[in-house]
Amino acid sequence: MVDPFFVTPFHFLTDWFQGSGNTPCEAAHGRSVWDVLEQNHEFGKTFNDAMANDSHLLMNVIVNEGEGVFKNLKSLVDVEVGQEPQLKPLSNGDMFKSIPLADAVLMKFIFHDWSDGDCVKILKRCKEAIPSREEGGKVIIIDAVIEEDNTKQEHDSITETQLLLDMMMMALVGGKERSEKEWEKLFLEAGFCGYKITPVTGFRL
């Protein structure tokens, strides 16, 4: 996260506000993060390794403390950017077009990369890929939920981390972190009738 590639876009916020590039990253580098990851194999490998290591740590916590979120699942599709060793994606397809059928779809730190409109499109593809709620279908999302009550002292460091990550998503990919109300709006627009938030670790739920 302190690589010059990630830091430089913050020096181009003024250019971006004045209409240069779709994101500060594009204003700084002339191309998107996704283009760089695809074209620069060494940089892409570093990024994927970081995502895989994070997934490995986080999945151990979720499996042990996630209140049975994976219970009774016979199949699961893991949609992610990095290649996590234990949960390799079943398909290198386009999540905006389709997602392989399964009892559940797992998405870790995906939605904060995208606009609200794009998130709704992805969620609709997820809904198409799983059985009904009554049949046990579910979308498992591991992402940040910004605390709306910032007066709670015990959440100060977590909220600060979430907001800093929110700024990074804005600068790099034009995405954002979301509050529970913002998440709920996405779920309802995508056609889901309910959701459950399970606190797991740190700034992610």
N, C-alpha and C. Protein backbone atom coordinates (compact mmCIF):
# COMPACT_ATOMS: atom_id res chain seq x y z
N MET A 1 0.81 -1.22 0.00
CA MET A 1 0.00 0.00 0.00
C MET A 1 0.85 1.27 0.00
N VAL A 2 2.13 1.16 0.33
CA VAL A 2 3.00 2.34 0.30
C VAL A 2 3.88 2.34 -0.94
N ASP A 3 3.62 1.47 -1.87
CA ASP A 3 4.32 1.48 -3.15
C ASP A 3 4.03 2.81 -3.85
N PRO A 4 5.03 3.40 -4.48
CA PRO A 4 4.81 4.68 -5.18
C PRO A 4 3.61 4.67 -6.14
N PHE A 5 3.34 3.51 -6.73
CA PHE A 5 2.21 3.44 -7.65
C PHE A 5 0.90 3.77 -6.94
N PHE A 6 0.75 3.30 -5.70
CA PHE A 6 -0.47 3.54 -4.95
C PHE A 6 -0.50 4.93 -4.31
N VAL A 7 0.65 5.47 -4.02
CA VAL A 7 0.72 6.77 -3.33
C VAL A 7 0.56 7.94 -4.29
N THR A 8 1.14 7.82 -5.48
CA THR A 8 1.16 8.92 -6.44
C THR A 8 -0.23 9.48 -6.77
N PRO A 9 -1.29 8.65 -6.93
CA PRO A 9 -2.61 9.21 -7.27
C PRO A 9 -3.12 10.26 -6.30
N PHE A 10 -2.68 10.21 -5.04
CA PHE A 10 -3.14 11.21 -4.07
C PHE A 10 -2.58 12.59 -4.39
N HIS A 11 -1.50 12.65 -5.17
CA HIS A 11 -0.93 13.94 -5.59
C HIS A 11 -1.63 14.48 -6.84
N PHE A 12 -2.58 13.69 -7.37
CA PHE A 12 -3.28 14.09 -8.58
C PHE A 12 -4.77 14.32 -8.34
N LEU A 13 -5.14 14.51 -7.08
CA LEU A 13 -6.55 14.74 -6.78
C LEU A 13 -7.07 16.00 -7.45
N THR A 14 -6.26 17.06 -7.46
CA THR A 14 -6.68 18.31 -8.10
C THR A 14 -6.95 18.10 -9.59
N ASP A 15 -6.04 17.39 -10.27
CA ASP A 15 -6.22 17.11 -11.69
C ASP A 15 -7.51 16.31 -11.92
N TRP A 16 -7.76 15.36 -11.04
CA TRP A 16 -8.96 14.53 -11.17
C TRP A 16 -10.22 15.36 -10.97
N PHE A 17 -10.22 16.22 -9.93
CA PHE A 17 -11.37 17.09 -9.69
C PHE A 17 -11.64 17.99 -10.89
N GLN A 18 -10.59 18.32 -11.63
CA GLN A 18 -10.74 19.20 -12.78
C GLN A 18 -11.05 18.43 -14.07
N GLY A 19 -11.26 17.12 -13.94
CA GLY A 19 -11.73 16.36 -15.09
C GLY A 19 -10.70 15.50 -15.79
N SER A 20 -9.53 15.29 -15.18
CA SER A 20 -8.50 14.47 -15.81
C SER A 20 -8.61 13.03 -15.34
N GLY A 21 -9.04 12.13 -16.21
CA GLY A 21 -9.13 10.71 -15.87
C GLY A 21 -10.38 10.35 -15.10
N ASN A 22 -10.77 9.09 -15.19
CA ASN A 22 -11.94 8.61 -14.46
C ASN A 22 -11.67 8.48 -12.97
N THR A 23 -10.41 8.29 -12.61
CA THR A 23 -10.00 8.18 -11.21
C THR A 23 -8.68 8.94 -11.05
N PRO A 24 -8.31 9.29 -9.80
CA PRO A 24 -7.00 9.90 -9.58
C PRO A 24 -5.87 9.01 -10.08
N CYS A 25 -6.06 7.69 -10.00
CA CYS A 25 -5.04 6.76 -10.50
C CYS A 25 -4.82 6.94 -11.99
N GLU A 26 -5.91 7.07 -12.74
CA GLU A 26 -5.77 7.27 -14.18
C GLU A 26 -5.21 8.64 -14.50
N ALA A 27 -5.53 9.63 -13.67
CA ALA A 27 -4.95 10.96 -13.86
C ALA A 27 -3.44 10.92 -13.64
N ALA A 28 -2.99 10.09 -12.71
CA ALA A 28 -1.56 10.00 -12.39
C ALA A 28 -0.79 9.12 -13.36
N HIS A 29 -1.37 7.97 -13.71
CA HIS A 29 -0.63 6.97 -14.47
C HIS A 29 -1.11 6.77 -15.90
N GLY A 30 -2.25 7.36 -16.23
CA GLY A 30 -2.76 7.23 -17.58
C GLY A 30 -3.44 5.90 -17.85
N ARG A 31 -3.63 5.09 -16.84
CA ARG A 31 -4.30 3.80 -16.99
C ARG A 31 -4.83 3.34 -15.64
N SER A 32 -5.73 2.38 -15.67
CA SER A 32 -6.36 1.93 -14.44
C SER A 32 -5.49 0.94 -13.69
N VAL A 33 -5.83 0.70 -12.43
CA VAL A 33 -5.14 -0.30 -11.63
C VAL A 33 -5.22 -1.66 -12.32
N TRP A 34 -6.40 -1.99 -12.85
CA TRP A 34 -6.62 -3.30 -13.46
C TRP A 34 -5.73 -3.48 -14.68
N ASP A 35 -5.56 -2.42 -15.47
CA ASP A 35 -4.67 -2.49 -16.63
C ASP A 35 -3.23 -2.75 -16.21
N VAL A 36 -2.80 -2.06 -15.15
CA VAL A 36 -1.43 -2.23 -14.67
C VAL A 36 -1.21 -3.65 -14.15
N LEU A 37 -2.17 -4.18 -13.38
CA LEU A 37 -2.04 -5.53 -12.84
C LEU A 37 -1.96 -6.57 -13.95
N GLU A 38 -2.69 -6.31 -15.04
CA GLU A 38 -2.69 -7.25 -16.16
C GLU A 38 -1.42 -7.14 -17.00
N GLN A 39 -0.90 -5.94 -17.15
CA GLN A 39 0.23 -5.72 -18.04
C GLN A 39 1.59 -5.89 -17.36
N ASN A 40 1.66 -5.58 -16.06
CA ASN A 40 2.92 -5.70 -15.33
C ASN A 40 2.86 -6.95 -14.47
N HIS A 41 3.45 -8.04 -14.95
CA HIS A 41 3.32 -9.33 -14.29
C HIS A 41 3.96 -9.34 -12.90
N GLU A 42 5.09 -8.68 -12.75
CA GLU A 42 5.76 -8.65 -11.44
C GLU A 42 4.89 -7.91 -10.42
N PHE A 43 4.36 -6.76 -10.83
CA PHE A 43 3.51 -5.99 -9.94
C PHE A 43 2.22 -6.76 -9.64
N GLY A 44 1.68 -7.40 -10.68
CA GLY A 44 0.47 -8.20 -10.51
C GLY A 44 0.68 -9.35 -9.55
N LYS A 45 1.85 -10.00 -9.63
CA LYS A 45 2.14 -11.11 -8.73
C LYS A 45 2.24 -10.63 -7.28
N THR A 46 2.88 -9.48 -7.07
CA THR A 46 2.98 -8.92 -5.72
C THR A 46 1.60 -8.64 -5.15
N PHE A 47 0.75 -8.04 -5.97
CA PHE A 47 -0.61 -7.73 -5.54
C PHE A 47 -1.39 -9.01 -5.22
N ASN A 48 -1.34 -9.99 -6.13
CA ASN A 48 -2.06 -11.24 -5.92
C ASN A 48 -1.56 -11.99 -4.69
N ASP A 49 -0.24 -11.97 -4.48
CA ASP A 49 0.32 -12.62 -3.29
C ASP A 49 -0.19 -11.96 -2.02
N ALA A 50 -0.28 -10.63 -2.04
CA ALA A 50 -0.79 -9.91 -0.87
C ALA A 50 -2.24 -10.27 -0.60
N MET A 51 -3.06 -10.31 -1.65
CA MET A 51 -4.46 -10.67 -1.49
C MET A 51 -4.62 -12.11 -1.00
N ALA A 52 -3.77 -13.01 -1.52
CA ALA A 52 -3.84 -14.41 -1.12
C ALA A 52 -3.46 -14.58 0.35
N ASN A 53 -2.42 -13.90 0.78
CA ASN A 53 -2.00 -13.98 2.19
C ASN A 53 -3.08 -13.44 3.11
N ASP A 54 -3.70 -12.33 2.70
CA ASP A 54 -4.78 -11.75 3.49
C ASP A 54 -5.96 -12.72 3.57
N SER A 55 -6.28 -13.35 2.44
CA SER A 55 -7.38 -14.30 2.41
C SER A 55 -7.11 -15.49 3.32
N HIS A 56 -5.88 -15.98 3.27
CA HIS A 56 -5.52 -17.14 4.09
C HIS A 56 -5.73 -16.85 5.57
N LEU A 57 -5.27 -15.68 6.02
CA LEU A 57 -5.44 -15.29 7.42
C LEU A 57 -6.92 -15.11 7.75
N LEU A 58 -7.61 -14.37 6.90
CA LEU A 58 -9.00 -14.03 7.18
C LEU A 58 -9.91 -15.25 7.14
N MET A 59 -9.69 -16.15 6.19
CA MET A 59 -10.55 -17.32 6.07
C MET A 59 -10.41 -18.23 7.29
N ASN A 60 -9.20 -18.30 7.86
CA ASN A 60 -9.03 -19.09 9.08
C ASN A 60 -9.89 -18.54 10.21
N VAL A 61 -9.96 -17.22 10.30
CA VAL A 61 -10.78 -16.59 11.33
C VAL A 61 -12.25 -16.83 11.07
N ILE A 62 -12.68 -16.66 9.83
CA ILE A 62 -14.10 -16.78 9.49
C ILE A 62 -14.60 -18.20 9.67
N VAL A 63 -13.80 -19.18 9.25
CA VAL A 63 -14.22 -20.58 9.39
C VAL A 63 -14.39 -20.93 10.86
N ASN A 64 -13.52 -20.38 11.71
CA ASN A 64 -13.56 -20.71 13.14
C ASN A 64 -14.55 -19.85 13.94
N GLU A 65 -14.78 -18.61 13.50
CA GLU A 65 -15.58 -17.68 14.29
C GLU A 65 -16.78 -17.11 13.55
N GLY A 66 -17.04 -17.58 12.36
CA GLY A 66 -18.09 -17.00 11.51
C GLY A 66 -19.49 -17.48 11.78
N GLU A 67 -19.74 -18.03 12.96
CA GLU A 67 -21.09 -18.45 13.36
C GLU A 67 -21.75 -19.38 12.33
N GLY A 68 -20.96 -20.33 11.83
CA GLY A 68 -21.51 -21.35 10.93
C GLY A 68 -21.96 -20.85 9.58
N VAL A 69 -21.33 -19.79 9.09
CA VAL A 69 -21.77 -19.21 7.82
C VAL A 69 -21.61 -20.20 6.66
N PHE A 70 -20.67 -21.16 6.78
CA PHE A 70 -20.45 -22.14 5.71
C PHE A 70 -21.17 -23.46 5.97
N LYS A 71 -21.94 -23.53 7.05
CA LYS A 71 -22.59 -24.77 7.44
C LYS A 71 -23.60 -25.22 6.38
N ASN A 72 -23.59 -26.52 6.08
CA ASN A 72 -24.53 -27.17 5.16
C ASN A 72 -24.36 -26.78 3.70
N LEU A 73 -23.28 -26.09 3.37
CA LEU A 73 -23.03 -25.75 1.96
C LEU A 73 -22.36 -26.92 1.25
N LYS A 74 -22.89 -27.30 0.09
CA LYS A 74 -22.29 -28.38 -0.70
C LYS A 74 -21.39 -27.83 -1.80
N SER A 75 -21.61 -26.59 -2.18
CA SER A 75 -20.78 -25.98 -3.22
C SER A 75 -20.66 -24.48 -2.97
N LEU A 76 -19.53 -23.91 -3.39
CA LEU A 76 -19.27 -22.49 -3.18
C LEU A 76 -18.39 -21.97 -4.30
N VAL A 77 -18.72 -20.81 -4.80
CA VAL A 77 -17.89 -20.13 -5.80
C VAL A 77 -17.21 -18.95 -5.13
N ASP A 78 -15.88 -18.91 -5.21
CA ASP A 78 -15.10 -17.83 -4.63
C ASP A 78 -14.74 -16.84 -5.73
N VAL A 79 -15.32 -15.65 -5.67
CA VAL A 79 -15.04 -14.61 -6.67
C VAL A 79 -14.07 -13.62 -6.06
N GLU A 80 -12.86 -13.55 -6.60
CA GLU A 80 -11.86 -12.67 -6.01
C GLU A 80 -10.84 -12.24 -7.04
N VAL A 81 -10.04 -11.24 -6.65
CA VAL A 81 -8.98 -10.74 -7.52
C VAL A 81 -7.74 -11.59 -7.37
N GLY A 82 -7.29 -11.80 -6.11
CA GLY A 82 -6.09 -12.59 -5.85
C GLY A 82 -6.41 -14.07 -5.85
N GLN A 83 -5.39 -14.88 -6.03
CA GLN A 83 -5.56 -16.33 -6.06
C GLN A 83 -5.26 -16.89 -4.68
N GLU A 84 -6.29 -17.14 -3.89
CA GLU A 84 -6.11 -17.69 -2.55
C GLU A 84 -5.92 -19.20 -2.67
N PRO A 85 -4.87 -19.75 -2.07
CA PRO A 85 -4.53 -21.15 -2.27
C PRO A 85 -5.65 -22.13 -1.92
N GLN A 86 -6.36 -21.91 -0.81
CA GLN A 86 -7.36 -22.87 -0.37
C GLN A 86 -8.69 -22.74 -1.13
N LEU A 87 -8.94 -21.58 -1.73
CA LEU A 87 -10.22 -21.36 -2.39
C LEU A 87 -10.01 -20.77 -3.78
N LYS A 88 -9.42 -21.54 -4.67
CA LYS A 88 -9.13 -21.03 -6.01
C LYS A 88 -10.43 -20.84 -6.79
N PRO A 89 -10.54 -19.74 -7.52
CA PRO A 89 -11.75 -19.50 -8.29
C PRO A 89 -12.02 -20.64 -9.28
N LEU A 90 -13.29 -20.96 -9.46
CA LEU A 90 -13.65 -22.03 -10.36
C LEU A 90 -13.63 -21.57 -11.82
N SER A 91 -13.69 -20.28 -12.03
CA SER A 91 -13.75 -19.76 -13.39
C SER A 91 -13.11 -18.39 -13.45
N ASN A 92 -12.37 -18.13 -14.54
CA ASN A 92 -11.76 -16.81 -14.76
C ASN A 92 -12.66 -15.95 -15.64
N GLY A 93 -13.94 -16.03 -15.43
CA GLY A 93 -14.89 -15.31 -16.25
C GLY A 93 -15.13 -13.90 -15.79
N ASP A 94 -16.18 -13.28 -16.32
CA ASP A 94 -16.53 -11.90 -16.03
C ASP A 94 -17.71 -11.89 -15.07
N MET A 95 -17.50 -11.43 -13.83
CA MET A 95 -18.56 -11.47 -12.82
C MET A 95 -19.71 -10.53 -13.16
N PHE A 96 -19.50 -9.61 -14.10
CA PHE A 96 -20.59 -8.73 -14.52
C PHE A 96 -21.54 -9.44 -15.48
N LYS A 97 -21.07 -10.55 -16.08
CA LYS A 97 -21.90 -11.27 -17.04
C LYS A 97 -22.55 -12.51 -16.42
N SER A 98 -21.77 -13.28 -15.69
CA SER A 98 -22.33 -14.48 -15.06
C SER A 98 -21.38 -15.00 -14.00
N ILE A 99 -21.96 -15.77 -13.05
CA ILE A 99 -21.20 -16.42 -12.00
C ILE A 99 -21.64 -17.87 -11.98
N PRO A 100 -20.71 -18.82 -11.89
CA PRO A 100 -21.09 -20.24 -11.88
C PRO A 100 -22.09 -20.57 -10.79
N LEU A 101 -22.98 -21.51 -11.06
CA LEU A 101 -24.01 -21.90 -10.11
C LEU A 101 -23.40 -22.58 -8.89
N ALA A 102 -23.91 -22.28 -7.71
CA ALA A 102 -23.43 -22.88 -6.47
C ALA A 102 -24.43 -22.59 -5.36
N ASP A 103 -24.27 -23.29 -4.22
CA ASP A 103 -25.11 -23.00 -3.06
C ASP A 103 -24.83 -21.62 -2.50
N ALA A 104 -23.58 -21.17 -2.65
CA ALA A 104 -23.20 -19.86 -2.11
C ALA A 104 -22.13 -19.23 -2.97
N VAL A 105 -22.09 -17.90 -2.94
CA VAL A 105 -21.05 -17.13 -3.62
C VAL A 105 -20.31 -16.35 -2.55
N LEU A 106 -18.98 -16.46 -2.55
CA LEU A 106 -18.14 -15.75 -1.59
C LEU A 106 -17.43 -14.61 -2.28
N MET A 107 -17.54 -13.40 -1.73
CA MET A 107 -16.88 -12.23 -2.30
C MET A 107 -16.16 -11.47 -1.19
N LYS A 108 -14.84 -11.48 -1.24
CA LYS A 108 -14.03 -10.81 -0.22
C LYS A 108 -13.40 -9.55 -0.79
N PHE A 109 -13.74 -8.42 -0.20
CA PHE A 109 -13.20 -7.14 -0.62
C PHE A 109 -13.30 -6.92 -2.13
N ILE A 110 -14.47 -7.19 -2.65
CA ILE A 110 -14.75 -6.96 -4.07
C ILE A 110 -15.54 -5.67 -4.26
N PHE A 111 -16.60 -5.50 -3.48
CA PHE A 111 -17.55 -4.42 -3.73
C PHE A 111 -16.98 -3.03 -3.49
N HIS A 112 -15.98 -2.91 -2.62
CA HIS A 112 -15.45 -1.57 -2.38
C HIS A 112 -14.64 -1.05 -3.57
N ASP A 113 -14.42 -1.92 -4.57
CA ASP A 113 -13.71 -1.50 -5.79
C ASP A 113 -14.64 -0.81 -6.79
N TRP A 114 -15.96 -0.90 -6.57
CA TRP A 114 -16.89 -0.53 -7.63
C TRP A 114 -17.93 0.49 -7.17
N SER A 115 -18.52 1.16 -8.15
CA SER A 115 -19.60 2.11 -7.90
C SER A 115 -20.85 1.38 -7.45
N ASP A 116 -21.83 2.11 -6.95
CA ASP A 116 -23.09 1.50 -6.52
C ASP A 116 -23.77 0.76 -7.68
N GLY A 117 -23.79 1.39 -8.85
CA GLY A 117 -24.43 0.77 -10.01
C GLY A 117 -23.77 -0.55 -10.39
N ASP A 118 -22.44 -0.58 -10.38
CA ASP A 118 -21.72 -1.80 -10.70
C ASP A 118 -21.95 -2.87 -9.63
N CYS A 119 -22.00 -2.46 -8.36
CA CYS A 119 -22.25 -3.41 -7.27
C CYS A 119 -23.61 -4.08 -7.43
N VAL A 120 -24.61 -3.32 -7.81
CA VAL A 120 -25.94 -3.89 -8.02
C VAL A 120 -25.90 -4.92 -9.15
N LYS A 121 -25.17 -4.62 -10.22
CA LYS A 121 -25.05 -5.56 -11.33
C LYS A 121 -24.41 -6.86 -10.86
N ILE A 122 -23.34 -6.76 -10.06
CA ILE A 122 -22.65 -7.95 -9.56
C ILE A 122 -23.58 -8.75 -8.64
N LEU A 123 -24.29 -8.05 -7.77
CA LEU A 123 -25.21 -8.73 -6.85
C LEU A 123 -26.32 -9.45 -7.60
N LYS A 124 -26.79 -8.88 -8.68
CA LYS A 124 -27.82 -9.54 -9.48
C LYS A 124 -27.29 -10.83 -10.10
N ARG A 125 -26.04 -10.81 -10.55
CA ARG A 125 -25.42 -12.04 -11.08
C ARG A 125 -25.27 -13.07 -9.97
N CYS A 126 -24.94 -12.61 -8.75
CA CYS A 126 -24.84 -13.51 -7.60
C CYS A 126 -26.19 -14.17 -7.32
N LYS A 127 -27.24 -13.36 -7.35
CA LYS A 127 -28.59 -13.87 -7.06
C LYS A 127 -29.00 -14.92 -8.08
N GLU A 128 -28.60 -14.73 -9.33
CA GLU A 128 -28.92 -15.69 -10.38
C GLU A 128 -28.18 -17.01 -10.19
N ALA A 129 -27.02 -16.96 -9.50
CA ALA A 129 -26.15 -18.13 -9.38
C ALA A 129 -26.50 -19.05 -8.24
N ILE A 130 -27.32 -18.59 -7.29
CA ILE A 130 -27.59 -19.37 -6.08
C ILE A 130 -29.06 -19.80 -5.99
N PRO A 131 -29.35 -20.84 -5.20
CA PRO A 131 -30.75 -21.22 -4.96
C PRO A 131 -31.47 -20.12 -4.19
N SER A 132 -32.76 -20.30 -3.99
CA SER A 132 -33.53 -19.34 -3.22
C SER A 132 -33.08 -19.35 -1.76
N ARG A 133 -33.48 -18.32 -1.02
CA ARG A 133 -33.14 -18.24 0.40
C ARG A 133 -33.70 -19.44 1.17
N GLU A 134 -34.91 -19.85 0.81
CA GLU A 134 -35.55 -20.99 1.47
C GLU A 134 -34.79 -22.29 1.22
N GLU A 135 -34.09 -22.37 0.10
CA GLU A 135 -33.31 -23.57 -0.23
C GLU A 135 -31.87 -23.47 0.24
N GLY A 136 -31.55 -22.41 0.98
CA GLY A 136 -30.22 -22.29 1.56
C GLY A 136 -29.21 -21.49 0.77
N GLY A 137 -29.64 -20.87 -0.33
CA GLY A 137 -28.71 -20.07 -1.11
C GLY A 137 -28.28 -18.81 -0.37
N LYS A 138 -27.04 -18.42 -0.54
CA LYS A 138 -26.56 -17.22 0.15
C LYS A 138 -25.37 -16.61 -0.58
N VAL A 139 -25.24 -15.30 -0.41
CA VAL A 139 -24.06 -14.57 -0.87
C VAL A 139 -23.30 -14.16 0.38
N ILE A 140 -22.04 -14.60 0.49
CA ILE A 140 -21.22 -14.30 1.66
C ILE A 140 -20.26 -13.18 1.27
N ILE A 141 -20.43 -12.03 1.89
CA ILE A 141 -19.60 -10.85 1.57
C ILE A 141 -18.71 -10.52 2.75
N ILE A 142 -17.42 -10.45 2.50
CA ILE A 142 -16.46 -10.02 3.52
C ILE A 142 -15.99 -8.63 3.10
N ASP A 143 -16.38 -7.63 3.86
CA ASP A 143 -16.08 -6.26 3.49
C ASP A 143 -16.24 -5.36 4.71
N ALA A 144 -15.88 -4.12 4.58
CA ALA A 144 -16.02 -3.17 5.68
C ALA A 144 -17.44 -2.63 5.75
N VAL A 145 -17.91 -2.37 6.96
CA VAL A 145 -19.16 -1.65 7.19
C VAL A 145 -18.81 -0.46 8.08
N ILE A 146 -18.88 0.73 7.51
CA ILE A 146 -18.45 1.92 8.25
C ILE A 146 -19.40 2.20 9.40
N GLU A 147 -18.83 2.40 10.56
CA GLU A 147 -19.62 2.70 11.77
C GLU A 147 -20.22 4.09 11.64
N GLU A 148 -21.54 4.18 11.73
CA GLU A 148 -22.21 5.47 11.58
C GLU A 148 -22.19 6.28 12.87
N ASP A 149 -22.06 5.61 14.02
CA ASP A 149 -21.98 6.31 15.30
C ASP A 149 -20.52 6.47 15.69
N ASN A 150 -19.92 7.57 15.26
CA ASN A 150 -18.49 7.79 15.50
C ASN A 150 -18.19 8.30 16.89
N THR A 151 -19.19 8.34 17.77
CA THR A 151 -18.95 8.82 19.14
C THR A 151 -18.46 7.70 20.04
N LYS A 152 -18.52 6.45 19.56
CA LYS A 152 -18.09 5.32 20.37
C LYS A 152 -16.56 5.27 20.41
N GLN A 153 -16.00 5.48 21.58
CA GLN A 153 -14.55 5.57 21.74
C GLN A 153 -13.85 4.29 21.28
N GLU A 154 -14.48 3.13 21.58
CA GLU A 154 -13.81 1.87 21.29
C GLU A 154 -13.69 1.60 19.79
N HIS A 155 -14.45 2.33 18.98
CA HIS A 155 -14.42 2.10 17.54
C HIS A 155 -13.58 3.15 16.80
N ASP A 156 -12.95 4.06 17.52
CA ASP A 156 -12.24 5.15 16.86
C ASP A 156 -11.18 4.66 15.88
N SER A 157 -10.31 3.73 16.30
CA SER A 157 -9.22 3.27 15.44
C SER A 157 -9.76 2.48 14.25
N ILE A 158 -10.81 1.69 14.47
CA ILE A 158 -11.41 0.92 13.39
C ILE A 158 -12.05 1.85 12.37
N THR A 159 -12.80 2.85 12.85
CA THR A 159 -13.45 3.80 11.94
C THR A 159 -12.41 4.58 11.14
N GLU A 160 -11.32 4.97 11.79
CA GLU A 160 -10.26 5.70 11.08
C GLU A 160 -9.67 4.85 9.96
N THR A 161 -9.43 3.56 10.25
CA THR A 161 -8.91 2.66 9.23
C THR A 161 -9.87 2.53 8.07
N GLN A 162 -11.16 2.39 8.38
CA GLN A 162 -12.17 2.27 7.33
C GLN A 162 -12.22 3.51 6.44
N LEU A 163 -12.15 4.68 7.07
CA LEU A 163 -12.23 5.93 6.31
C LEU A 163 -10.98 6.15 5.46
N LEU A 164 -9.83 5.75 5.98
CA LEU A 164 -8.60 5.85 5.19
C LEU A 164 -8.67 4.90 3.99
N LEU A 165 -9.22 3.71 4.21
CA LEU A 165 -9.39 2.77 3.11
C LEU A 165 -10.40 3.31 2.10
N ASP A 166 -11.40 4.02 2.59
CA ASP A 166 -12.39 4.66 1.72
C ASP A 166 -11.70 5.65 0.79
N MET A 167 -10.78 6.44 1.33
CA MET A 167 -10.04 7.40 0.51
C MET A 167 -9.16 6.69 -0.52
N MET A 168 -8.55 5.57 -0.10
CA MET A 168 -7.70 4.83 -1.03
C MET A 168 -8.52 4.26 -2.18
N MET A 169 -9.71 3.74 -1.89
CA MET A 169 -10.56 3.21 -2.95
C MET A 169 -10.97 4.31 -3.92
N MET A 170 -11.26 5.50 -3.38
CA MET A 170 -11.62 6.64 -4.23
C MET A 170 -10.46 6.98 -5.16
N ALA A 171 -9.25 6.99 -4.62
CA ALA A 171 -8.09 7.41 -5.41
C ALA A 171 -7.67 6.38 -6.44
N LEU A 172 -7.81 5.10 -6.11
CA LEU A 172 -7.28 4.07 -6.99
C LEU A 172 -8.29 3.55 -8.01
N VAL A 173 -9.52 3.29 -7.57
CA VAL A 173 -10.46 2.62 -8.47
C VAL A 173 -11.82 3.30 -8.58
N GLY A 174 -12.03 4.39 -7.86
CA GLY A 174 -13.32 5.06 -7.91
C GLY A 174 -14.39 4.36 -7.10
N GLY A 175 -13.98 3.49 -6.19
CA GLY A 175 -14.93 2.79 -5.32
C GLY A 175 -15.04 3.48 -3.98
N LYS A 176 -15.61 2.77 -2.99
CA LYS A 176 -15.77 3.36 -1.67
C LYS A 176 -16.14 2.30 -0.64
N GLU A 177 -15.93 2.62 0.64
CA GLU A 177 -16.46 1.81 1.73
C GLU A 177 -17.88 2.29 2.03
N ARG A 178 -18.69 1.43 2.66
CA ARG A 178 -20.10 1.76 2.82
C ARG A 178 -20.60 1.53 4.24
N SER A 179 -21.61 2.32 4.61
CA SER A 179 -22.29 2.14 5.89
C SER A 179 -23.33 1.04 5.72
N GLU A 180 -23.95 0.61 6.82
CA GLU A 180 -24.97 -0.43 6.72
C GLU A 180 -26.14 0.04 5.85
N LYS A 181 -26.54 1.29 5.97
CA LYS A 181 -27.65 1.80 5.15
C LYS A 181 -27.31 1.73 3.67
N GLU A 182 -26.06 2.03 3.33
CA GLU A 182 -25.64 1.98 1.92
C GLU A 182 -25.60 0.55 1.42
N TRP A 183 -25.16 -0.38 2.27
CA TRP A 183 -25.18 -1.80 1.90
C TRP A 183 -26.62 -2.26 1.68
N GLU A 184 -27.51 -1.91 2.61
CA GLU A 184 -28.90 -2.32 2.51
C GLU A 184 -29.52 -1.85 1.20
N LYS A 185 -29.22 -0.63 0.80
CA LYS A 185 -29.75 -0.08 -0.44
C LYS A 185 -29.30 -0.94 -1.64
N LEU A 186 -28.04 -1.36 -1.65
CA LEU A 186 -27.55 -2.20 -2.73
C LEU A 186 -28.28 -3.54 -2.76
N PHE A 187 -28.42 -4.16 -1.60
CA PHE A 187 -29.08 -5.46 -1.54
C PHE A 187 -30.51 -5.39 -2.05
N LEU A 188 -31.24 -4.38 -1.61
CA LEU A 188 -32.64 -4.25 -2.02
C LEU A 188 -32.77 -3.97 -3.51
N GLU A 189 -31.89 -3.11 -4.03
CA GLU A 189 -31.94 -2.80 -5.47
C GLU A 189 -31.61 -4.03 -6.31
N ALA A 190 -30.80 -4.93 -5.76
CA ALA A 190 -30.43 -6.14 -6.50
C ALA A 190 -31.48 -7.24 -6.38
N GLY A 191 -32.50 -7.02 -5.53
CA GLY A 191 -33.58 -7.97 -5.42
C GLY A 191 -33.53 -8.89 -4.22
N PHE A 192 -32.58 -8.67 -3.31
CA PHE A 192 -32.52 -9.47 -2.10
C PHE A 192 -33.52 -8.93 -1.08
N CYS A 193 -34.07 -9.83 -0.27
CA CYS A 193 -35.11 -9.40 0.69
C CYS A 193 -34.58 -9.25 2.11
N GLY A 194 -33.33 -9.61 2.36
CA GLY A 194 -32.79 -9.48 3.70
C GLY A 194 -31.29 -9.71 3.73
N TYR A 195 -30.69 -9.43 4.88
CA TYR A 195 -29.25 -9.63 5.04
C TYR A 195 -28.95 -9.76 6.53
N LYS A 196 -27.77 -10.26 6.83
CA LYS A 196 -27.32 -10.37 8.21
C LYS A 196 -25.86 -9.96 8.28
N ILE A 197 -25.52 -9.10 9.23
CA ILE A 197 -24.13 -8.67 9.40
C ILE A 197 -23.54 -9.40 10.61
N THR A 198 -22.41 -10.07 10.39
CA THR A 198 -21.73 -10.81 11.45
C THR A 198 -20.34 -10.21 11.66
N PRO A 199 -20.10 -9.50 12.76
CA PRO A 199 -18.77 -8.96 13.04
C PRO A 199 -17.76 -10.09 13.16
N VAL A 200 -16.62 -9.96 12.47
CA VAL A 200 -15.64 -11.03 12.48
C VAL A 200 -14.31 -10.58 13.06
N THR A 201 -13.66 -9.63 12.38
CA THR A 201 -12.34 -9.22 12.86
C THR A 201 -12.01 -7.81 12.39
N GLY A 202 -11.52 -7.00 13.27
CA GLY A 202 -11.04 -5.67 12.90
C GLY A 202 -12.08 -4.84 12.19
N PHE A 203 -11.71 -4.26 11.05
CA PHE A 203 -12.58 -3.33 10.34
C PHE A 203 -13.42 -4.02 9.27
N ARG A 204 -13.41 -5.36 9.24
CA ARG A 204 -14.19 -6.07 8.23
C ARG A 204 -15.26 -6.90 8.90
N LEU A 205 -16.43 -7.04 8.18
CA LEU A 205 -17.55 -7.82 8.69
C LEU A 205 -18.08 -8.73 7.59
